[in-house]
C-alpha atoms as a PDB file:
ATOM      1  CA  LYS A   1      14.594 -76.152   3.692  1.00  0.00           C
ATOM      2  CA  GLN A   2      12.385 -74.314   1.222  1.00  0.00           C
ATOM      3  CA  LYS A   3      15.252 -72.106   0.107  1.00  0.00           C
ATOM      4  CA  LEU A   4      17.526 -75.159  -0.281  1.00  0.00           C
ATOM      5  CA  ASN A   5      14.980 -76.775  -2.589  1.00  0.00           C
ATOM      6  CA  TYR A   6      14.844 -73.609  -4.682  1.00  0.00           C
ATOM      7  CA  LEU A   7      18.653 -73.421  -4.795  1.00  0.00           C
ATOM      8  CA  LYS A   8      18.868 -76.974  -6.128  1.00  0.00           C
ATOM      9  CA  TYR A   9      16.187 -76.300  -8.717  1.00  0.00           C
ATOM     10  CA  TYR A  10      17.623 -73.022  -9.988  1.00  0.00           C
ATOM     11  CA  ASN A  11      21.186 -74.329 -10.046  1.00  0.00           C
ATOM     12  CA  SER A  12      20.131 -77.051 -12.483  1.00  0.00           C
ATOM     13  CA  ILE A  13      18.586 -74.704 -15.047  1.00  0.00           C
ATOM     14  CA  ILE A  14      20.348 -71.336 -15.051  1.00  0.00           C
ATOM     15  CA  GLU A  15      24.083 -71.926 -14.766  1.00  0.00           C
ATOM     16  CA  LYS A  16      24.666 -71.532 -18.535  1.00  0.00           C
ATOM     17  CA  GLN A  17      22.386 -68.545 -19.085  1.00  0.00           C
ATOM     18  CA  ASP A  18      23.608 -65.083 -20.084  1.00  0.00           C
ATOM     19  CA  LEU A  19      20.800 -63.096 -18.490  1.00  0.00           C
ATOM     20  CA  ILE A  20      17.789 -63.765 -16.269  1.00  0.00           C
ATOM     21  CA  VAL A  21      14.659 -61.654 -16.702  1.00  0.00           C
ATOM     22  CA  VAL A  22      11.912 -62.163 -14.141  1.00  0.00           C
ATOM     23  CA  ASN A  23       8.580 -60.992 -15.529  1.00  0.00           C
ATOM     24  CA  GLY A  24       7.173 -59.895 -12.255  1.00  0.00           C
ATOM     25  CA  GLY A  25       3.424 -59.782 -12.112  1.00  0.00           C
ATOM     26  CA  GLY A  26       2.677 -59.071  -8.456  1.00  0.00           C
ATOM     27  CA  LEU A  27       6.225 -59.855  -7.373  1.00  0.00           C
ATOM     28  CA  LEU A  28       6.537 -57.505  -4.392  1.00  0.00           C
ATOM     29  CA  LYS A  29       3.817 -59.062  -2.261  1.00  0.00           C
ATOM     30  CA  PHE A  30       3.883 -59.760   1.439  1.00  0.00           C
ATOM     31  CA  LYS A  31       0.265 -59.689   2.647  1.00  0.00           C
ATOM     32  CA  VAL A  32      -1.315 -62.572   0.744  1.00  0.00           C
ATOM     33  CA  GLN A  33       1.542 -64.069  -1.254  1.00  0.00           C
ATOM     34  CA  PHE A  34       5.283 -64.041  -0.574  1.00  0.00           C
ATOM     35  CA  PHE A  35       8.054 -64.996  -2.976  1.00  0.00           C
ATOM     36  CA  GLY A  36      10.991 -64.242  -0.705  1.00  0.00           C
ATOM     37  CA  PRO A  37      12.618 -67.715  -0.516  1.00  0.00           C
ATOM     38  CA  SER A  38      12.417 -68.326  -4.265  1.00  0.00           C
ATOM     39  CA  LEU A  39      13.726 -64.843  -5.122  1.00  0.00           C
ATOM     40  CA  TYR A  40      16.631 -65.153  -2.689  1.00  0.00           C
ATOM     41  CA  ALA A  41      17.537 -68.543  -4.130  1.00  0.00           C
ATOM     42  CA  LEU A  42      17.355 -67.316  -7.709  1.00  0.00           C
ATOM     43  CA  LEU A  43      19.544 -64.300  -6.988  1.00  0.00           C
ATOM     44  CA  ASP A  44      22.058 -66.335  -4.972  1.00  0.00           C
ATOM     45  CA  ILE A  45      22.505 -68.859  -7.790  1.00  0.00           C
ATOM     46  CA  ALA A  46      22.704 -66.058 -10.351  1.00  0.00           C
ATOM     47  CA  LYS A  47      25.458 -64.394  -8.314  1.00  0.00           C
ATOM     48  CA  LYS A  48      27.313 -67.710  -8.015  1.00  0.00           C
ATOM     49  CA  HIS A  49      27.408 -67.997 -11.815  1.00  0.00           C
ATOM     50  CA  SER A  50      27.907 -64.245 -12.429  1.00  0.00           C
ATOM     51  CA  ILE A  51      24.596 -63.935 -14.277  1.00  0.00           C
ATOM     52  CA  PRO A  52      22.830 -60.539 -14.157  1.00  0.00           C
ATOM     53  CA  VAL A  53      19.162 -60.494 -13.143  1.00  0.00           C
ATOM     54  CA  ILE A  54      16.452 -58.016 -14.143  1.00  0.00           C
ATOM     55  CA  PHE A  55      13.034 -57.743 -12.515  1.00  0.00           C
ATOM     56  CA  ASN A  56      10.744 -56.625 -15.337  1.00  0.00           C
ATOM     57  CA  SER A  57       7.395 -54.859 -14.994  1.00  0.00           C
ATOM     58  CA  ILE A  58       6.757 -56.048 -11.458  1.00  0.00           C
ATOM     59  CA  GLY A  59       3.716 -55.198  -9.390  1.00  0.00           C
ATOM     60  CA  VAL A  60       4.255 -53.404  -6.084  1.00  0.00           C
ATOM     61  CA  GLU A  61       1.664 -54.347  -3.465  1.00  0.00           C
ATOM     62  CA  GLY A  62       2.635 -51.601  -1.068  1.00  0.00           C
ATOM     63  CA  PHE A  63       5.058 -51.145   1.792  1.00  0.00           C
ATOM     64  CA  ASP A  64       4.942 -51.774   5.534  1.00  0.00           C
ATOM     65  CA  ASN A  65       8.127 -51.157   7.506  1.00  0.00           C
ATOM     66  CA  HIS A  66       6.704 -53.157  10.431  1.00  0.00           C
ATOM     67  CA  ASN A  67       6.085 -56.286   8.332  1.00  0.00           C
ATOM     68  CA  PHE A  68       8.908 -58.846   8.414  1.00  0.00           C
ATOM     69  CA  LYS A  69       8.174 -60.177   4.924  1.00  0.00           C
ATOM     70  CA  CYS A  70       8.191 -56.657   3.526  1.00  0.00           C
ATOM     71  CA  LYS A  71      11.595 -56.072   5.131  1.00  0.00           C
ATOM     72  CA  VAL A  72      12.841 -59.264   3.473  1.00  0.00           C
ATOM     73  CA  LEU A  73      11.693 -57.986   0.076  1.00  0.00           C
ATOM     74  CA  LYS A  74      13.454 -54.690   0.704  1.00  0.00           C
ATOM     75  CA  LYS A  75      16.670 -56.588   1.379  1.00  0.00           C
ATOM     76  CA  ILE A  76      16.196 -58.764  -1.712  1.00  0.00           C
ATOM     77  CA  LEU A  77      16.006 -55.670  -3.907  1.00  0.00           C
ATOM     78  CA  ARG A  78      19.544 -54.816  -2.779  1.00  0.00           C
ATOM     79  CA  HIS A  79      20.995 -58.166  -3.850  1.00  0.00           C
ATOM     80  CA  LYS A  80      24.236 -57.820  -5.841  1.00  0.00           C
ATOM     81  CA  ALA A  81      22.906 -59.994  -8.685  1.00  0.00           C
ATOM     82  CA  LEU A  82      19.960 -57.652  -9.362  1.00  0.00           C
ATOM     83  CA  LYS A  83      21.040 -55.150 -12.011  1.00  0.00           C
ATOM     84  CA  ALA A  84      17.826 -53.360 -13.017  1.00  0.00           C
ATOM     85  CA  ILE A  85      14.175 -53.199 -12.057  1.00  0.00           C
ATOM     86  CA  SER A  86      11.005 -51.845 -13.628  1.00  0.00           C
ATOM     87  CA  THR A  87       7.449 -51.660 -12.363  1.00  0.00           C
ATOM     88  CA  ARG A  88       4.080 -51.601 -14.051  1.00  0.00           C
ATOM     89  CA  ASP A  89       2.465 -49.489 -11.337  1.00  0.00           C
ATOM     90  CA  ASP A  90       3.738 -47.890  -8.109  1.00  0.00           C
ATOM     91  CA  ILE A  91       7.126 -46.442  -9.011  1.00  0.00           C
ATOM     92  CA  LEU A  92       7.037 -43.964  -6.096  1.00  0.00           C
ATOM     93  CA  THR A  93       6.659 -46.676  -3.454  1.00  0.00           C
ATOM     94  CA  LEU A  94       9.381 -48.694  -5.133  1.00  0.00           C
ATOM     95  CA  LYS A  95      11.856 -45.806  -5.194  1.00  0.00           C
ATOM     96  CA  ASP A  96      10.915 -43.976  -2.000  1.00  0.00           C
ATOM     97  CA  LYS A  97      10.173 -46.897   0.335  1.00  0.00           C
ATOM     98  CA  TYR A  98      12.015 -49.963  -0.922  1.00  0.00           C
ATOM     99  CA  TYR A  99      15.040 -47.949  -2.038  1.00  0.00           C
ATOM    100  CA  ASP A 100      14.840 -45.054   0.440  1.00  0.00           C
ATOM    101  CA  GLN A 101      14.688 -42.561  -2.450  1.00  0.00           C
ATOM    102  CA  ALA A 102      18.068 -43.710  -3.787  1.00  0.00           C
ATOM    103  CA  PRO A 103      17.861 -46.781  -6.069  1.00  0.00           C
ATOM    104  CA  PRO A 104      21.395 -48.117  -6.669  1.00  0.00           C
ATOM    105  CA  ILE A 105      20.328 -49.654  -9.988  1.00  0.00           C
ATOM    106  CA  PRO A 106      18.160 -48.452 -12.924  1.00  0.00           C
ATOM    107  CA  CYS A 107      14.579 -48.239 -11.662  1.00  0.00           C
ATOM    108  CA  ASP A 108      11.818 -47.261 -14.108  1.00  0.00           C
ATOM    109  CA  ALA A 109       8.076 -47.345 -14.705  1.00  0.00           C
ATOM    110  CA  ILE A 110       6.941 -49.192 -17.829  1.00  0.00           C
ATOM    111  CA  CYS A 111       3.750 -50.743 -19.151  1.00  0.00           C
ATOM    112  CA  ASP A 112       2.555 -54.250 -18.382  1.00  0.00           C
ATOM    113  CA  PRO A 113       3.929 -56.778 -20.932  1.00  0.00           C
ATOM    114  CA  ALA A 114       0.350 -57.800 -21.738  1.00  0.00           C
ATOM    115  CA  VAL A 115       0.023 -54.514 -23.643  1.00  0.00           C
ATOM    116  CA  TRP A 116       2.094 -56.127 -26.412  1.00  0.00           C
ATOM    117  CA  SER A 117       0.111 -59.379 -26.617  1.00  0.00           C
ATOM    118  CA  SER A 118      -1.478 -58.594 -29.976  1.00  0.00           C
ATOM    119  CA  GLU A 119       1.888 -57.809 -31.596  1.00  0.00           C
ATOM    120  CA  THR A 120       3.583 -60.810 -29.971  1.00  0.00           C
ATOM    121  CA  PHE A 121       0.959 -63.314 -31.074  1.00  0.00           C
ATOM    122  CA  GLY A 122      -0.106 -61.688 -34.342  1.00  0.00           C
ATOM    123  CA  ILE A 123      -3.628 -60.883 -33.158  1.00  0.00           C
ATOM    124  CA  HIS A 124      -5.613 -58.486 -35.346  1.00  0.00           C
ATOM    125  CA  ASN A 125      -8.966 -56.825 -34.791  1.00  0.00           C
ATOM    126  CA  GLN A 126     -11.825 -58.824 -36.258  1.00  0.00           C
ATOM    127  CA  LYS A 127     -15.557 -58.433 -36.069  1.00  0.00           C
ATOM    128  CA  SER A 128     -16.782 -61.161 -33.792  1.00  0.00           C
ATOM    129  CA  ASN A 129     -19.466 -61.957 -31.267  1.00  0.00           C
ATOM    130  CA  ALA A 130     -16.947 -63.791 -29.081  1.00  0.00           C
ATOM    131  CA  ILE A 131     -16.104 -62.393 -25.654  1.00  0.00           C
ATOM    132  CA  GLY A 132     -13.622 -63.845 -23.179  1.00  0.00           C
ATOM    133  CA  ILE A 133     -13.936 -63.256 -19.464  1.00  0.00           C
ATOM    134  CA  GLY A 134     -10.920 -63.779 -17.218  1.00  0.00           C
ATOM    135  CA  ILE A 135     -11.679 -65.450 -13.890  1.00  0.00           C
ATOM    136  CA  ILE A 136      -9.556 -64.729 -10.830  1.00  0.00           C
ATOM    137  CA  ARG A 137      -9.611 -66.480  -7.453  1.00  0.00           C
ATOM    138  CA  LYS A 138     -12.736 -65.978  -5.403  1.00  0.00           C
ATOM    139  CA  ASN A 139     -11.132 -64.300  -2.383  1.00  0.00           C
ATOM    140  CA  ILE A 140      -8.974 -61.815  -4.286  1.00  0.00           C
ATOM    141  CA  PHE A 141     -10.863 -58.730  -3.104  1.00  0.00           C
ATOM    142  CA  SER A 142     -11.466 -59.763   0.494  1.00  0.00           C
ATOM    143  CA  ASP A 143      -7.791 -60.740   0.804  1.00  0.00           C
ATOM    144  CA  TYR A 144      -6.898 -57.117   0.138  1.00  0.00           C
ATOM    145  CA  GLY A 145      -9.461 -55.612   2.515  1.00  0.00           C
ATOM    146  CA  SER A 146     -12.453 -55.072   0.215  1.00  0.00           C
ATOM    147  CA  ASN A 147     -15.995 -55.998   1.230  1.00  0.00           C
ATOM    148  CA  ILE A 148     -16.488 -57.856  -2.065  1.00  0.00           C
ATOM    149  CA  ASP A 149     -16.577 -61.457  -0.852  1.00  0.00           C
ATOM    150  CA  SER A 150     -16.574 -64.641  -2.934  1.00  0.00           C
ATOM    151  CA  ASP A 151     -20.387 -64.785  -3.206  1.00  0.00           C
ATOM    152  CA  VAL A 152     -20.612 -61.209  -4.486  1.00  0.00           C
ATOM    153  CA  LEU A 153     -17.826 -61.838  -6.993  1.00  0.00           C
ATOM    154  CA  LYS A 154     -19.418 -65.076  -8.178  1.00  0.00           C
ATOM    155  CA  ASP A 155     -22.791 -63.366  -8.669  1.00  0.00           C
ATOM    156  CA  LEU A 156     -21.053 -60.599 -10.626  1.00  0.00           C
ATOM    157  CA  TYR A 157     -19.410 -63.089 -12.980  1.00  0.00           C
ATOM    158  CA  LEU A 158     -22.674 -65.004 -13.421  1.00  0.00           C
ATOM    159  CA  THR A 159     -24.652 -61.852 -14.175  1.00  0.00           C
ATOM    160  CA  ILE A 160     -22.129 -60.602 -16.726  1.00  0.00           C
ATOM    161  CA  VAL A 161     -22.048 -63.941 -18.560  1.00  0.00           C
ATOM    162  CA  GLN A 162     -25.818 -64.327 -18.514  1.00  0.00           C
ATOM    163  CA  ASN A 163     -26.398 -60.824 -19.881  1.00  0.00           C
ATOM    164  CA  LEU A 164     -23.864 -61.332 -22.668  1.00  0.00           C
ATOM    165  CA  ALA A 165     -25.219 -64.767 -23.567  1.00  0.00           C
ATOM    166  CA  ASP A 166     -28.779 -63.407 -23.635  1.00  0.00           C
ATOM    167  CA  ASP A 167     -27.540 -60.776 -26.122  1.00  0.00           C
ATOM    168  CA  ASN A 168     -26.234 -63.621 -28.335  1.00  0.00           C
ATOM    169  CA  TYR A 169     -22.559 -63.247 -27.545  1.00  0.00           C
ATOM    170  CA  ASN A 170     -20.400 -66.370 -27.575  1.00  0.00           C
ATOM    171  CA  VAL A 171     -18.840 -66.269 -24.100  1.00  0.00           C
ATOM    172  CA  SER A 172     -15.709 -68.114 -23.040  1.00  0.00           C
ATOM    173  CA  LEU A 173     -14.210 -68.176 -19.564  1.00  0.00           C
ATOM    174  CA  PHE A 174     -10.447 -68.340 -19.080  1.00  0.00           C
ATOM    175  CA  THR A 175      -7.825 -68.162 -16.342  1.00  0.00           C
ATOM    176  CA  ASN A 176      -4.096 -67.522 -16.227  1.00  0.00           C
ATOM    177  CA  GLY A 177      -3.563 -71.079 -15.015  1.00  0.00           C
ATOM    178  CA  LEU A 178      -3.271 -70.569 -11.257  1.00  0.00           C
ATOM    179  CA  GLU A 179      -4.957 -73.365  -9.314  1.00  0.00           C
ATOM    180  CA  LEU A 180      -7.229 -71.142  -7.201  1.00  0.00           C
ATOM    181  CA  ASP A 181      -8.339 -69.254 -10.312  1.00  0.00           C
ATOM    182  CA  ASN A 182      -9.045 -72.540 -12.074  1.00  0.00           C
ATOM    183  CA  GLU A 183     -11.145 -73.884  -9.193  1.00  0.00           C
ATOM    184  CA  PHE A 184     -13.321 -70.770  -9.124  1.00  0.00           C
ATOM    185  CA  ALA A 185     -13.708 -70.801 -12.910  1.00  0.00           C
ATOM    186  CA  VAL A 186     -14.931 -74.403 -12.811  1.00  0.00           C
ATOM    187  CA  GLN A 187     -17.468 -73.479 -10.100  1.00  0.00           C
ATOM    188  CA  ILE A 188     -18.770 -70.623 -12.230  1.00  0.00           C
ATOM    189  CA  LYS A 189     -18.957 -72.761 -15.366  1.00  0.00           C
ATOM    190  CA  ASP A 190     -20.868 -75.489 -13.455  1.00  0.00           C
ATOM    191  CA  GLU A 191     -23.308 -72.958 -11.996  1.00  0.00           C
ATOM    192  CA  LEU A 192     -23.924 -71.450 -15.436  1.00  0.00           C
ATOM    193  CA  LEU A 193     -24.579 -74.909 -16.836  1.00  0.00           C
ATOM    194  CA  ARG A 194     -27.157 -75.554 -14.103  1.00  0.00           C
ATOM    195  CA  GLN A 195     -28.872 -72.334 -15.177  1.00  0.00           C
ATOM    196  CA  GLY A 196     -28.903 -73.375 -18.838  1.00  0.00           C
ATOM    197  CA  TYR A 197     -25.833 -71.460 -20.054  1.00  0.00           C
ATOM    198  CA  ASN A 198     -23.202 -73.648 -21.688  1.00  0.00           C
ATOM    199  CA  VAL A 199     -19.975 -71.650 -21.921  1.00  0.00           C
ATOM    200  CA  SER A 200     -16.495 -72.876 -22.706  1.00  0.00           C
ATOM    201  CA  LEU A 201     -13.622 -72.696 -20.251  1.00  0.00           C
ATOM    202  CA  TYR A 202      -9.984 -72.384 -21.287  1.00  0.00           C
ATOM    203  CA  ILE A 203      -7.297 -73.183 -18.720  1.00  0.00           C
ATOM    204  CA  PRO A 204      -3.728 -72.752 -20.004  1.00  0.00           C
ATOM    205  CA  THR A 205      -1.036 -75.259 -19.090  1.00  0.00           C
END
């Protein structure tokens, strides 16, 4: 059912496109997040309309040949609609594990697209006392096996902001817009306010 919903959605928006580029982020994930149904649907619709697909600068979480979701991702990477792939990090795992050392399509390591943010948005270095701190979901580390739990992470954020504010920096919190990130950012902002630190919070839409 989930895949059918994705098929209907993608079919309505991509049939007249010339090329589809998926800016990956952590695309090859199977432990905490899994994008298998949506990727399959996207590639199936792209194939139906003869539209080439590129996975650009994706993150590779790792590989586990005993994990069903990981096996699904390995199969997805062999879809006929996928014409090229690049990764921002683990090119060896991508080539050696997902492609068994023989990628059938161009497969390269490149930088994260965020590297070009200043050029894209015309940002230039300026002297300023403003500092932005990106907030990520509270369980990010424990989800990946670290002993940094949500309380430790929250205390770390609070300490950093307090130290910067005490040194007269203008601190702003921000997220990338994901709901779990937003919830944690609001908690941190509220806690700072209770401690007498009034910082701004920017949540993109």
